[in-house]
Amino acid sequence: YSRLSGSSQYLAAVSNTFSVNAGSGFLNNYYDDEGWWALAWIAAYDGTGNAQYLNMSQQIFADMSAGWDSTCGGGIWWNKNRKYKNAIANELFLSVAAGLAARTTGAQQASNLAWAKRAWTWFSGSGMINSESLINDGLNSSCQNNGQITWSYNQGVIVGGRCEWNLPRALRAKLRRRRRAVQRYFCSKPRGARFRTPLAAIQSFP
C-alpha cells in the first residue's frame, strides 16, 4: 500500500516491527518464512532508504544460503530439518538474491548475482516445472516432481524473481517497466488461463 500510494502512514509500524524483532534476525526453522521476511525488508528499504533494512535482508539471505547443498543437484531445503526441497523456498531464495543484487554494489552485488543465476539454473532444471509450464510444490525423495498442488504463489514469486534477477541498480527503471508489462500480460488473460503460461512468459527474459 505504501509503495503504490506514496503514503507514509504505516512507516512507524514498519519501524516498530523491525525494532521489536531485529534481535531474532527474523530467523526460524523454515527457509521460506525467512525469505518472506527478506523480501519485506527489501521493500521497506525501497520505501525508506533505511540501510538497516537492506542489511537485515542480506543477513537473512546468508542464513538461507546455508540451506543449499548437493542433494538433488542443488537448491535449498524447505526447513533446517533437511527433509524436503520445495518450490517456494527456492523461488524466494532466487528472488531475494536478485533483489539484493539490484540494490548492492561491488563484491556483495557480484555474490548476490551469482547466487541468483545459480538458483535459477538449478530451479529451471530441477523438474518442479511440469509439462504445462506450471510449478508443482516440490520434489519427492527420488528428486522427481512430486505432482503436488500448483499453488498460485509458486507461479507468482518466480515471476518477480526472474524480472529482477540480473538487473543492477542502473537498470531499476527497466525493472519497473518489466513489472508493469508482466502485470499487463497476466491481467489480459482470461481468468482460467492466467496461470497456464507463466514460464513461457518469463523464460525469455535475460
N, C-alpha and C. Protein backbone atom coordinates (compact mmCIF):
# COMPACT_ATOMS: atom_id res chain seq x y z
N TYR A 1 0.83 -1.20 0.00
CA TYR A 1 0.00 0.00 0.00
C TYR A 1 0.88 1.26 0.00
N SER A 2 1.87 1.28 0.88
CA SER A 2 2.73 2.46 0.98
C SER A 2 3.48 2.71 -0.32
N ARG A 3 3.96 1.64 -0.95
CA ARG A 3 4.72 1.79 -2.18
C ARG A 3 3.85 2.34 -3.30
N LEU A 4 2.64 1.84 -3.41
CA LEU A 4 1.77 2.24 -4.51
C LEU A 4 1.14 3.61 -4.28
N SER A 5 0.86 3.93 -3.02
CA SER A 5 0.17 5.18 -2.73
C SER A 5 1.10 6.33 -2.40
N GLY A 6 2.33 5.99 -2.00
CA GLY A 6 3.24 7.03 -1.56
C GLY A 6 2.98 7.50 -0.14
N SER A 7 2.08 6.83 0.55
CA SER A 7 1.71 7.22 1.91
C SER A 7 2.80 6.81 2.90
N SER A 8 3.02 7.65 3.92
CA SER A 8 3.95 7.32 5.00
C SER A 8 3.19 6.91 6.27
N GLN A 9 1.91 6.65 6.12
CA GLN A 9 1.04 6.40 7.27
C GLN A 9 1.52 5.23 8.13
N TYR A 10 2.07 4.20 7.48
CA TYR A 10 2.40 2.99 8.22
C TYR A 10 3.90 2.79 8.44
N LEU A 11 4.70 3.80 8.16
CA LEU A 11 6.14 3.65 8.33
C LEU A 11 6.52 3.42 9.80
N ALA A 12 5.75 3.99 10.72
CA ALA A 12 6.02 3.76 12.13
C ALA A 12 5.82 2.29 12.49
N ALA A 13 4.83 1.66 11.88
CA ALA A 13 4.58 0.23 12.14
C ALA A 13 5.73 -0.61 11.60
N VAL A 14 6.24 -0.22 10.44
CA VAL A 14 7.39 -0.93 9.86
C VAL A 14 8.59 -0.81 10.79
N SER A 15 8.86 0.41 11.24
CA SER A 15 9.99 0.65 12.13
C SER A 15 9.85 -0.11 13.45
N ASN A 16 8.65 -0.12 13.98
CA ASN A 16 8.41 -0.83 15.24
C ASN A 16 8.59 -2.33 15.07
N THR A 17 8.08 -2.87 13.97
CA THR A 17 8.24 -4.31 13.70
C THR A 17 9.71 -4.68 13.64
N PHE A 18 10.49 -3.84 13.00
CA PHE A 18 11.92 -4.09 12.90
C PHE A 18 12.58 -4.03 14.28
N SER A 19 12.29 -2.99 15.03
CA SER A 19 12.94 -2.79 16.33
C SER A 19 12.62 -3.91 17.30
N VAL A 20 11.37 -4.34 17.32
CA VAL A 20 10.94 -5.35 18.28
C VAL A 20 11.52 -6.72 17.95
N ASN A 21 11.72 -7.00 16.66
CA ASN A 21 12.09 -8.36 16.26
C ASN A 21 13.51 -8.51 15.72
N ALA A 22 14.23 -7.41 15.60
CA ALA A 22 15.57 -7.49 14.99
C ALA A 22 16.51 -8.39 15.76
N GLY A 23 16.30 -8.52 17.06
CA GLY A 23 17.17 -9.36 17.87
C GLY A 23 17.18 -10.81 17.43
N SER A 24 16.08 -11.28 16.89
CA SER A 24 15.98 -12.67 16.41
C SER A 24 16.56 -12.82 15.01
N GLY A 25 16.85 -11.70 14.36
CA GLY A 25 17.33 -11.76 12.98
C GLY A 25 16.28 -12.19 11.99
N PHE A 26 15.02 -12.30 12.45
CA PHE A 26 13.91 -12.77 11.60
C PHE A 26 14.20 -14.18 11.06
N LEU A 27 14.84 -14.98 11.89
CA LEU A 27 15.21 -16.34 11.50
C LEU A 27 14.38 -17.35 12.28
N ASN A 28 14.08 -18.47 11.64
CA ASN A 28 13.46 -19.60 12.33
C ASN A 28 13.85 -20.88 11.63
N ASN A 29 13.08 -21.93 11.80
CA ASN A 29 13.45 -23.23 11.24
C ASN A 29 13.09 -23.38 9.77
N TYR A 30 12.35 -22.43 9.21
CA TYR A 30 11.82 -22.57 7.85
C TYR A 30 12.42 -21.51 6.93
N TYR A 31 13.07 -21.97 5.88
CA TYR A 31 13.71 -21.03 4.97
C TYR A 31 12.71 -20.20 4.17
N ASP A 32 11.52 -20.73 3.92
CA ASP A 32 10.55 -19.91 3.20
C ASP A 32 10.05 -18.76 4.07
N ASP A 33 9.86 -18.99 5.36
CA ASP A 33 9.49 -17.90 6.27
C ASP A 33 10.56 -16.80 6.22
N GLU A 34 11.81 -17.22 6.27
CA GLU A 34 12.90 -16.25 6.22
C GLU A 34 12.90 -15.48 4.92
N GLY A 35 12.58 -16.16 3.82
CA GLY A 35 12.56 -15.49 2.53
C GLY A 35 11.50 -14.40 2.44
N TRP A 36 10.34 -14.66 3.01
CA TRP A 36 9.30 -13.62 3.02
C TRP A 36 9.77 -12.40 3.81
N TRP A 37 10.42 -12.63 4.95
CA TRP A 37 10.94 -11.51 5.72
C TRP A 37 12.00 -10.75 4.94
N ALA A 38 12.88 -11.48 4.26
CA ALA A 38 13.93 -10.81 3.49
C ALA A 38 13.34 -9.92 2.40
N LEU A 39 12.32 -10.41 1.71
CA LEU A 39 11.67 -9.58 0.69
C LEU A 39 10.97 -8.38 1.32
N ALA A 40 10.40 -8.60 2.50
CA ALA A 40 9.72 -7.49 3.18
C ALA A 40 10.71 -6.38 3.52
N TRP A 41 11.91 -6.76 3.96
CA TRP A 41 12.89 -5.72 4.33
C TRP A 41 13.52 -5.06 3.12
N ILE A 42 13.57 -5.76 1.99
CA ILE A 42 13.96 -5.10 0.74
C ILE A 42 12.93 -4.04 0.38
N ALA A 43 11.66 -4.40 0.48
CA ALA A 43 10.59 -3.44 0.17
C ALA A 43 10.63 -2.27 1.13
N ALA A 44 10.89 -2.54 2.42
CA ALA A 44 10.98 -1.46 3.41
C ALA A 44 12.14 -0.53 3.08
N TYR A 45 13.25 -1.11 2.66
CA TYR A 45 14.40 -0.29 2.25
C TYR A 45 14.03 0.60 1.06
N ASP A 46 13.34 0.03 0.09
CA ASP A 46 12.94 0.81 -1.09
C ASP A 46 12.05 1.99 -0.69
N GLY A 47 11.22 1.78 0.31
CA GLY A 47 10.28 2.82 0.70
C GLY A 47 10.85 3.87 1.63
N THR A 48 11.97 3.55 2.28
CA THR A 48 12.50 4.46 3.29
C THR A 48 13.95 4.88 3.06
N GLY A 49 14.71 4.06 2.33
CA GLY A 49 16.13 4.32 2.19
C GLY A 49 16.94 3.96 3.42
N ASN A 50 16.32 3.31 4.40
CA ASN A 50 16.99 2.93 5.64
C ASN A 50 17.87 1.71 5.39
N ALA A 51 19.19 1.90 5.45
CA ALA A 51 20.13 0.83 5.13
C ALA A 51 20.03 -0.35 6.10
N GLN A 52 19.52 -0.11 7.31
CA GLN A 52 19.35 -1.21 8.27
C GLN A 52 18.47 -2.30 7.69
N TYR A 53 17.45 -1.90 6.96
CA TYR A 53 16.53 -2.87 6.39
C TYR A 53 17.21 -3.72 5.32
N LEU A 54 17.98 -3.09 4.47
CA LEU A 54 18.68 -3.84 3.43
C LEU A 54 19.73 -4.76 4.05
N ASN A 55 20.43 -4.28 5.07
CA ASN A 55 21.41 -5.11 5.74
C ASN A 55 20.77 -6.32 6.39
N MET A 56 19.58 -6.13 6.96
CA MET A 56 18.88 -7.25 7.56
C MET A 56 18.52 -8.28 6.51
N SER A 57 18.04 -7.82 5.37
CA SER A 57 17.72 -8.75 4.29
C SER A 57 18.95 -9.55 3.87
N GLN A 58 20.09 -8.88 3.80
CA GLN A 58 21.33 -9.57 3.43
C GLN A 58 21.70 -10.61 4.47
N GLN A 59 21.52 -10.29 5.74
CA GLN A 59 21.82 -11.24 6.81
C GLN A 59 20.89 -12.45 6.76
N ILE A 60 19.61 -12.20 6.49
CA ILE A 60 18.66 -13.31 6.36
C ILE A 60 19.07 -14.20 5.19
N PHE A 61 19.46 -13.56 4.08
CA PHE A 61 19.86 -14.34 2.91
C PHE A 61 21.07 -15.21 3.21
N ALA A 62 21.99 -14.71 4.00
CA ALA A 62 23.16 -15.51 4.37
C ALA A 62 22.74 -16.78 5.09
N ASP A 63 21.73 -16.67 5.97
CA ASP A 63 21.23 -17.85 6.66
C ASP A 63 20.55 -18.80 5.68
N MET A 64 19.78 -18.24 4.76
CA MET A 64 19.11 -19.08 3.76
C MET A 64 20.12 -19.84 2.91
N SER A 65 21.20 -19.18 2.55
CA SER A 65 22.18 -19.82 1.67
C SER A 65 22.85 -21.02 2.32
N ALA A 66 22.83 -21.06 3.67
CA ALA A 66 23.37 -22.23 4.37
C ALA A 66 22.51 -23.47 4.16
N GLY A 67 21.30 -23.28 3.63
CA GLY A 67 20.42 -24.40 3.34
C GLY A 67 20.67 -25.06 2.00
N TRP A 68 21.62 -24.54 1.23
CA TRP A 68 21.95 -25.09 -0.08
C TRP A 68 22.91 -26.25 0.07
N ASP A 69 22.62 -27.37 -0.60
CA ASP A 69 23.59 -28.46 -0.66
C ASP A 69 23.43 -29.22 -1.96
N SER A 70 24.13 -30.32 -2.10
CA SER A 70 24.17 -31.04 -3.37
C SER A 70 23.05 -32.05 -3.56
N THR A 71 22.20 -32.24 -2.55
CA THR A 71 21.07 -33.16 -2.69
C THR A 71 20.17 -32.71 -3.84
N CYS A 72 19.80 -33.61 -4.72
CA CYS A 72 19.02 -33.31 -5.93
C CYS A 72 19.76 -32.32 -6.83
N GLY A 73 21.07 -32.25 -6.69
CA GLY A 73 21.87 -31.41 -7.57
C GLY A 73 22.00 -29.96 -7.13
N GLY A 74 21.37 -29.61 -6.01
CA GLY A 74 21.44 -28.23 -5.53
C GLY A 74 20.14 -27.80 -4.90
N GLY A 75 19.97 -26.50 -4.74
CA GLY A 75 18.76 -25.95 -4.14
C GLY A 75 18.83 -25.93 -2.63
N ILE A 76 17.95 -25.12 -2.03
CA ILE A 76 17.88 -25.10 -0.57
C ILE A 76 16.71 -25.95 -0.09
N TRP A 77 16.79 -26.35 1.16
CA TRP A 77 15.74 -27.15 1.76
C TRP A 77 14.58 -26.25 2.19
N TRP A 78 13.43 -26.87 2.41
CA TRP A 78 12.27 -26.14 2.93
C TRP A 78 12.53 -25.66 4.35
N ASN A 79 13.14 -26.55 5.17
CA ASN A 79 13.46 -26.16 6.54
C ASN A 79 14.79 -26.76 6.96
N LYS A 80 15.18 -26.46 8.17
CA LYS A 80 16.51 -26.84 8.62
C LYS A 80 16.60 -28.29 9.06
N ASN A 81 15.48 -29.00 9.03
CA ASN A 81 15.50 -30.44 9.26
C ASN A 81 15.96 -31.20 8.02
N ARG A 82 15.98 -30.51 6.87
CA ARG A 82 16.52 -31.04 5.61
C ARG A 82 15.85 -32.34 5.18
N LYS A 83 14.52 -32.29 5.08
CA LYS A 83 13.76 -33.47 4.63
C LYS A 83 13.07 -33.24 3.29
N TYR A 84 12.96 -32.00 2.83
CA TYR A 84 12.12 -31.71 1.66
C TYR A 84 12.65 -30.50 0.92
N LYS A 85 12.84 -30.64 -0.39
CA LYS A 85 13.20 -29.49 -1.23
C LYS A 85 11.95 -29.11 -2.03
N ASN A 86 11.51 -27.88 -1.85
CA ASN A 86 10.26 -27.47 -2.48
C ASN A 86 10.43 -26.19 -3.28
N ALA A 87 9.37 -25.82 -3.96
CA ALA A 87 9.43 -24.70 -4.89
C ALA A 87 9.53 -23.37 -4.18
N ILE A 88 8.66 -23.11 -3.22
CA ILE A 88 8.57 -21.75 -2.69
C ILE A 88 9.85 -21.32 -1.99
N ALA A 89 10.48 -22.21 -1.25
CA ALA A 89 11.73 -21.83 -0.59
C ALA A 89 12.78 -21.42 -1.61
N ASN A 90 12.86 -22.15 -2.70
CA ASN A 90 13.88 -21.86 -3.72
C ASN A 90 13.51 -20.66 -4.58
N GLU A 91 12.23 -20.45 -4.83
CA GLU A 91 11.81 -19.25 -5.54
C GLU A 91 12.11 -17.99 -4.71
N LEU A 92 11.84 -18.07 -3.43
CA LEU A 92 12.14 -16.94 -2.55
C LEU A 92 13.64 -16.71 -2.47
N PHE A 93 14.40 -17.78 -2.41
CA PHE A 93 15.86 -17.67 -2.38
C PHE A 93 16.37 -16.93 -3.61
N LEU A 94 15.88 -17.33 -4.78
CA LEU A 94 16.25 -16.64 -6.02
C LEU A 94 15.81 -15.18 -5.99
N SER A 95 14.59 -14.93 -5.56
CA SER A 95 14.05 -13.58 -5.57
C SER A 95 14.81 -12.65 -4.64
N VAL A 96 15.18 -13.17 -3.46
CA VAL A 96 15.95 -12.35 -2.52
C VAL A 96 17.34 -12.07 -3.09
N ALA A 97 17.97 -13.08 -3.65
CA ALA A 97 19.29 -12.88 -4.25
C ALA A 97 19.24 -11.83 -5.34
N ALA A 98 18.22 -11.93 -6.19
CA ALA A 98 18.08 -10.97 -7.29
C ALA A 98 17.79 -9.57 -6.76
N GLY A 99 16.91 -9.48 -5.77
CA GLY A 99 16.58 -8.18 -5.20
C GLY A 99 17.78 -7.53 -4.56
N LEU A 100 18.59 -8.31 -3.86
CA LEU A 100 19.79 -7.76 -3.25
C LEU A 100 20.82 -7.36 -4.30
N ALA A 101 20.94 -8.15 -5.36
CA ALA A 101 21.89 -7.81 -6.42
C ALA A 101 21.55 -6.47 -7.06
N ALA A 102 20.26 -6.15 -7.12
CA ALA A 102 19.82 -4.90 -7.74
C ALA A 102 20.03 -3.70 -6.83
N ARG A 103 20.41 -3.96 -5.56
CA ARG A 103 20.48 -2.85 -4.60
C ARG A 103 21.83 -2.77 -3.87
N THR A 104 22.74 -3.64 -4.22
CA THR A 104 24.06 -3.62 -3.61
C THR A 104 25.11 -3.31 -4.67
N THR A 105 26.35 -3.19 -4.26
CA THR A 105 27.43 -2.85 -5.18
C THR A 105 28.64 -3.73 -4.92
N GLY A 106 29.59 -3.68 -5.83
CA GLY A 106 30.88 -4.32 -5.64
C GLY A 106 30.80 -5.82 -5.45
N ALA A 107 31.65 -6.32 -4.54
CA ALA A 107 31.74 -7.76 -4.32
C ALA A 107 30.44 -8.35 -3.81
N GLN A 108 29.73 -7.57 -2.98
CA GLN A 108 28.45 -8.07 -2.46
C GLN A 108 27.44 -8.24 -3.57
N GLN A 109 27.37 -7.29 -4.49
CA GLN A 109 26.46 -7.41 -5.63
C GLN A 109 26.84 -8.61 -6.49
N ALA A 110 28.13 -8.80 -6.73
CA ALA A 110 28.58 -9.92 -7.55
C ALA A 110 28.20 -11.25 -6.92
N SER A 111 28.34 -11.34 -5.59
CA SER A 111 27.96 -12.57 -4.90
C SER A 111 26.46 -12.83 -4.98
N ASN A 112 25.68 -11.79 -4.75
CA ASN A 112 24.22 -11.95 -4.83
C ASN A 112 23.78 -12.35 -6.23
N LEU A 113 24.37 -11.73 -7.23
CA LEU A 113 24.01 -12.05 -8.61
C LEU A 113 24.40 -13.47 -8.97
N ALA A 114 25.57 -13.89 -8.50
CA ALA A 114 26.00 -15.27 -8.77
C ALA A 114 25.02 -16.27 -8.15
N TRP A 115 24.54 -15.97 -6.94
CA TRP A 115 23.56 -16.85 -6.30
C TRP A 115 22.26 -16.86 -7.08
N ALA A 116 21.82 -15.71 -7.56
CA ALA A 116 20.57 -15.65 -8.33
C ALA A 116 20.68 -16.52 -9.58
N LYS A 117 21.78 -16.41 -10.28
CA LYS A 117 21.97 -17.20 -11.50
C LYS A 117 22.06 -18.69 -11.18
N ARG A 118 22.78 -19.01 -10.12
CA ARG A 118 22.92 -20.41 -9.72
C ARG A 118 21.57 -21.00 -9.33
N ALA A 119 20.79 -20.21 -8.58
CA ALA A 119 19.48 -20.68 -8.14
C ALA A 119 18.55 -20.92 -9.32
N TRP A 120 18.56 -20.01 -10.30
CA TRP A 120 17.70 -20.19 -11.47
C TRP A 120 18.13 -21.38 -12.31
N THR A 121 19.43 -21.54 -12.51
CA THR A 121 19.92 -22.69 -13.29
C THR A 121 19.46 -23.99 -12.67
N TRP A 122 19.58 -24.08 -11.34
CA TRP A 122 19.14 -25.30 -10.68
C TRP A 122 17.63 -25.45 -10.75
N PHE A 123 16.91 -24.40 -10.38
CA PHE A 123 15.45 -24.49 -10.31
C PHE A 123 14.85 -24.85 -11.66
N SER A 124 15.31 -24.20 -12.71
CA SER A 124 14.73 -24.43 -14.05
C SER A 124 14.97 -25.85 -14.54
N GLY A 125 15.99 -26.51 -14.01
CA GLY A 125 16.26 -27.88 -14.41
C GLY A 125 15.91 -28.91 -13.36
N SER A 126 15.27 -28.48 -12.28
CA SER A 126 15.01 -29.37 -11.14
C SER A 126 13.90 -30.38 -11.39
N GLY A 127 13.02 -30.07 -12.34
CA GLY A 127 11.87 -30.93 -12.59
C GLY A 127 10.59 -30.44 -11.93
N MET A 128 10.68 -29.38 -11.13
CA MET A 128 9.47 -28.87 -10.48
C MET A 128 8.53 -28.17 -11.47
N ILE A 129 9.05 -27.74 -12.61
CA ILE A 129 8.22 -27.13 -13.65
C ILE A 129 7.66 -28.26 -14.51
N ASN A 130 6.34 -28.40 -14.51
CA ASN A 130 5.75 -29.55 -15.18
C ASN A 130 5.51 -29.31 -16.67
N SER A 131 4.91 -30.26 -17.33
CA SER A 131 4.72 -30.20 -18.79
C SER A 131 3.76 -29.11 -19.21
N GLU A 132 2.98 -28.58 -18.28
CA GLU A 132 2.07 -27.48 -18.58
C GLU A 132 2.68 -26.12 -18.22
N SER A 133 3.96 -26.13 -17.93
CA SER A 133 4.68 -24.92 -17.51
C SER A 133 4.16 -24.37 -16.19
N LEU A 134 3.60 -25.24 -15.37
CA LEU A 134 3.20 -24.89 -14.01
C LEU A 134 4.20 -25.48 -13.03
N ILE A 135 4.28 -24.88 -11.87
CA ILE A 135 5.26 -25.30 -10.87
C ILE A 135 4.55 -26.06 -9.76
N ASN A 136 4.93 -27.33 -9.60
CA ASN A 136 4.37 -28.14 -8.52
C ASN A 136 5.06 -27.80 -7.20
N ASP A 137 4.57 -28.41 -6.12
CA ASP A 137 5.00 -27.99 -4.79
C ASP A 137 6.47 -28.31 -4.50
N GLY A 138 6.98 -29.43 -5.03
CA GLY A 138 8.36 -29.76 -4.70
C GLY A 138 8.81 -31.07 -5.30
N LEU A 139 9.88 -31.63 -4.72
CA LEU A 139 10.49 -32.86 -5.21
C LEU A 139 10.27 -33.98 -4.20
N ASN A 140 10.14 -35.20 -4.71
CA ASN A 140 10.00 -36.35 -3.82
C ASN A 140 11.38 -36.87 -3.40
N SER A 141 11.40 -37.96 -2.68
CA SER A 141 12.66 -38.49 -2.15
C SER A 141 13.60 -38.98 -3.24
N SER A 142 13.05 -39.16 -4.45
CA SER A 142 13.88 -39.54 -5.60
C SER A 142 14.27 -38.35 -6.45
N CYS A 143 14.03 -37.16 -5.92
CA CYS A 143 14.36 -35.90 -6.61
C CYS A 143 13.57 -35.72 -7.91
N GLN A 144 12.34 -36.23 -7.90
CA GLN A 144 11.43 -36.06 -9.02
C GLN A 144 10.27 -35.16 -8.61
N ASN A 145 9.65 -34.52 -9.59
CA ASN A 145 8.45 -33.71 -9.34
C ASN A 145 7.44 -34.55 -8.58
N ASN A 146 6.96 -34.02 -7.44
CA ASN A 146 6.05 -34.82 -6.62
C ASN A 146 4.58 -34.72 -7.05
N GLY A 147 4.30 -33.92 -8.07
CA GLY A 147 2.94 -33.83 -8.58
C GLY A 147 1.95 -33.16 -7.66
N GLN A 148 2.42 -32.53 -6.60
CA GLN A 148 1.50 -31.91 -5.66
C GLN A 148 1.01 -30.56 -6.19
N ILE A 149 0.18 -29.91 -5.41
CA ILE A 149 -0.60 -28.74 -5.84
C ILE A 149 0.27 -27.67 -6.47
N THR A 150 -0.23 -27.08 -7.55
CA THR A 150 0.44 -25.95 -8.20
C THR A 150 -0.08 -24.66 -7.57
N TRP A 151 0.40 -24.38 -6.37
CA TRP A 151 -0.05 -23.20 -5.64
C TRP A 151 0.17 -21.94 -6.46
N SER A 152 -0.76 -21.00 -6.38
CA SER A 152 -0.67 -19.78 -7.17
C SER A 152 0.59 -18.98 -6.82
N TYR A 153 1.01 -18.99 -5.56
CA TYR A 153 2.19 -18.21 -5.22
C TYR A 153 3.45 -18.81 -5.81
N ASN A 154 3.45 -20.12 -6.08
CA ASN A 154 4.60 -20.70 -6.76
C ASN A 154 4.71 -20.22 -8.21
N GLN A 155 3.60 -19.84 -8.80
CA GLN A 155 3.64 -19.30 -10.15
C GLN A 155 4.03 -17.81 -10.13
N GLY A 156 3.66 -17.12 -9.05
CA GLY A 156 3.88 -15.68 -8.99
C GLY A 156 5.25 -15.26 -8.50
N VAL A 157 5.77 -15.92 -7.47
CA VAL A 157 7.04 -15.50 -6.89
C VAL A 157 8.17 -15.61 -7.91
N ILE A 158 8.13 -16.65 -8.72
CA ILE A 158 9.20 -16.83 -9.70
C ILE A 158 9.19 -15.71 -10.75
N VAL A 159 8.00 -15.17 -11.04
CA VAL A 159 7.92 -14.06 -12.00
C VAL A 159 8.69 -12.86 -11.44
N GLY A 160 8.45 -12.53 -10.17
CA GLY A 160 9.16 -11.41 -9.56
C GLY A 160 10.66 -11.63 -9.54
N GLY A 161 11.07 -12.84 -9.19
CA GLY A 161 12.49 -13.13 -9.14
C GLY A 161 13.15 -13.02 -10.49
N ARG A 162 12.48 -13.57 -11.51
CA ARG A 162 13.06 -13.53 -12.86
C ARG A 162 13.03 -12.13 -13.44
N CYS A 163 12.09 -11.32 -13.05
CA CYS A 163 12.08 -9.93 -13.52
C CYS A 163 13.31 -9.18 -13.02
N GLU A 164 13.78 -9.56 -11.86
CA GLU A 164 14.80 -8.78 -11.18
C GLU A 164 16.19 -9.41 -11.17
N TRP A 165 16.31 -10.64 -11.58
CA TRP A 165 17.48 -11.44 -11.23
C TRP A 165 18.79 -10.96 -11.81
N ASN A 166 18.79 -10.24 -12.93
CA ASN A 166 20.07 -9.80 -13.47
C ASN A 166 20.12 -8.30 -13.70
N LEU A 167 19.34 -7.56 -12.91
CA LEU A 167 19.29 -6.12 -13.14
C LEU A 167 20.03 -5.35 -12.05
N PRO A 168 21.16 -4.73 -12.38
CA PRO A 168 21.86 -3.90 -11.40
C PRO A 168 21.12 -2.60 -11.16
N ARG A 169 21.62 -1.83 -10.25
CA ARG A 169 20.97 -0.59 -9.81
C ARG A 169 20.62 0.33 -10.96
N ALA A 170 21.49 0.47 -11.95
CA ALA A 170 21.27 1.43 -13.04
C ALA A 170 20.08 1.06 -13.91
N LEU A 171 19.62 -0.18 -13.80
CA LEU A 171 18.51 -0.62 -14.65
C LEU A 171 17.20 -0.72 -13.87
N ARG A 172 17.10 -0.03 -12.74
CA ARG A 172 15.89 -0.09 -11.92
C ARG A 172 14.65 0.35 -12.69
N ALA A 173 14.78 1.39 -13.54
CA ALA A 173 13.64 1.86 -14.31
C ALA A 173 13.17 0.78 -15.28
N LYS A 174 14.13 0.07 -15.88
CA LYS A 174 13.78 -1.02 -16.78
C LYS A 174 13.03 -2.11 -16.03
N LEU A 175 13.45 -2.39 -14.81
CA LEU A 175 12.75 -3.37 -13.98
C LEU A 175 11.30 -2.96 -13.76
N ARG A 176 11.09 -1.69 -13.43
CA ARG A 176 9.73 -1.24 -13.20
C ARG A 176 8.88 -1.41 -14.45
N ARG A 177 9.46 -1.12 -15.62
CA ARG A 177 8.71 -1.30 -16.88
C ARG A 177 8.38 -2.76 -17.09
N ARG A 178 9.32 -3.64 -16.76
CA ARG A 178 9.06 -5.07 -16.94
C ARG A 178 7.95 -5.55 -16.02
N ARG A 179 7.96 -5.05 -14.79
CA ARG A 179 6.90 -5.44 -13.86
C ARG A 179 5.54 -5.03 -14.40
N ARG A 180 5.46 -3.82 -14.93
CA ARG A 180 4.18 -3.37 -15.49
C ARG A 180 3.79 -4.24 -16.68
N ALA A 181 4.79 -4.61 -17.50
CA ALA A 181 4.49 -5.44 -18.66
C ALA A 181 3.99 -6.82 -18.25
N VAL A 182 4.61 -7.38 -17.22
CA VAL A 182 4.17 -8.69 -16.72
C VAL A 182 2.77 -8.59 -16.15
N GLN A 183 2.51 -7.54 -15.40
CA GLN A 183 1.16 -7.35 -14.85
C GLN A 183 0.13 -7.24 -15.95
N ARG A 184 0.45 -6.46 -16.99
CA ARG A 184 -0.50 -6.34 -18.12
C ARG A 184 -0.70 -7.68 -18.79
N TYR A 185 0.40 -8.44 -18.91
CA TYR A 185 0.31 -9.75 -19.58
C TYR A 185 -0.69 -10.65 -18.87
N PHE A 186 -0.53 -10.78 -17.54
CA PHE A 186 -1.40 -11.69 -16.80
C PHE A 186 -2.81 -11.14 -16.66
N CYS A 187 -2.95 -9.85 -16.48
CA CYS A 187 -4.28 -9.28 -16.33
C CYS A 187 -5.09 -9.35 -17.63
N SER A 188 -4.39 -9.47 -18.75
CA SER A 188 -5.10 -9.55 -20.04
C SER A 188 -5.58 -10.95 -20.34
N LYS A 189 -5.13 -11.95 -19.57
CA LYS A 189 -5.51 -13.33 -19.83
C LYS A 189 -6.89 -13.64 -19.26
N PRO A 190 -7.64 -14.52 -19.92
CA PRO A 190 -8.90 -14.99 -19.34
C PRO A 190 -8.63 -15.60 -17.97
N ARG A 191 -9.60 -15.51 -17.08
CA ARG A 191 -9.41 -15.93 -15.69
C ARG A 191 -8.81 -17.33 -15.58
N GLY A 192 -9.31 -18.27 -16.36
CA GLY A 192 -8.84 -19.64 -16.25
C GLY A 192 -7.49 -19.89 -16.88
N ALA A 193 -6.97 -18.93 -17.62
CA ALA A 193 -5.72 -19.14 -18.34
C ALA A 193 -4.54 -18.42 -17.72
N ARG A 194 -4.77 -17.66 -16.67
CA ARG A 194 -3.71 -16.79 -16.17
C ARG A 194 -2.48 -17.53 -15.69
N PHE A 195 -2.65 -18.72 -15.16
CA PHE A 195 -1.50 -19.45 -14.66
C PHE A 195 -1.12 -20.60 -15.58
N ARG A 196 -1.53 -20.50 -16.85
CA ARG A 196 -1.20 -21.56 -17.78
C ARG A 196 0.12 -21.32 -18.50
N THR A 197 0.61 -20.08 -18.54
CA THR A 197 1.82 -19.83 -19.31
C THR A 197 2.85 -18.98 -18.57
N PRO A 198 3.02 -19.13 -17.27
CA PRO A 198 3.95 -18.25 -16.58
C PRO A 198 5.38 -18.40 -17.03
N LEU A 199 5.84 -19.65 -17.23
CA LEU A 199 7.22 -19.84 -17.62
C LEU A 199 7.47 -19.41 -19.05
N ALA A 200 6.47 -19.61 -19.92
CA ALA A 200 6.61 -19.14 -21.30
C ALA A 200 6.77 -17.64 -21.33
N ALA A 201 6.13 -16.96 -20.38
CA ALA A 201 6.17 -15.51 -20.35
C ALA A 201 7.50 -14.98 -19.83
N ILE A 202 8.20 -15.76 -19.01
CA ILE A 202 9.39 -15.20 -18.37
C ILE A 202 10.70 -15.85 -18.76
N GLN A 203 10.69 -17.02 -19.38
CA GLN A 203 11.95 -17.68 -19.66
C GLN A 203 12.78 -16.95 -20.70
N SER A 204 12.13 -16.07 -21.48
CA SER A 204 12.88 -15.32 -22.47
C SER A 204 13.52 -14.07 -21.89
N PHE A 205 13.23 -13.74 -20.61
CA PHE A 205 13.86 -12.58 -20.01
C PHE A 205 15.36 -12.83 -19.90
N PRO A 206 16.18 -11.82 -20.08
CA PRO A 206 17.64 -12.00 -19.97
C PRO A 206 18.03 -12.50 -18.59
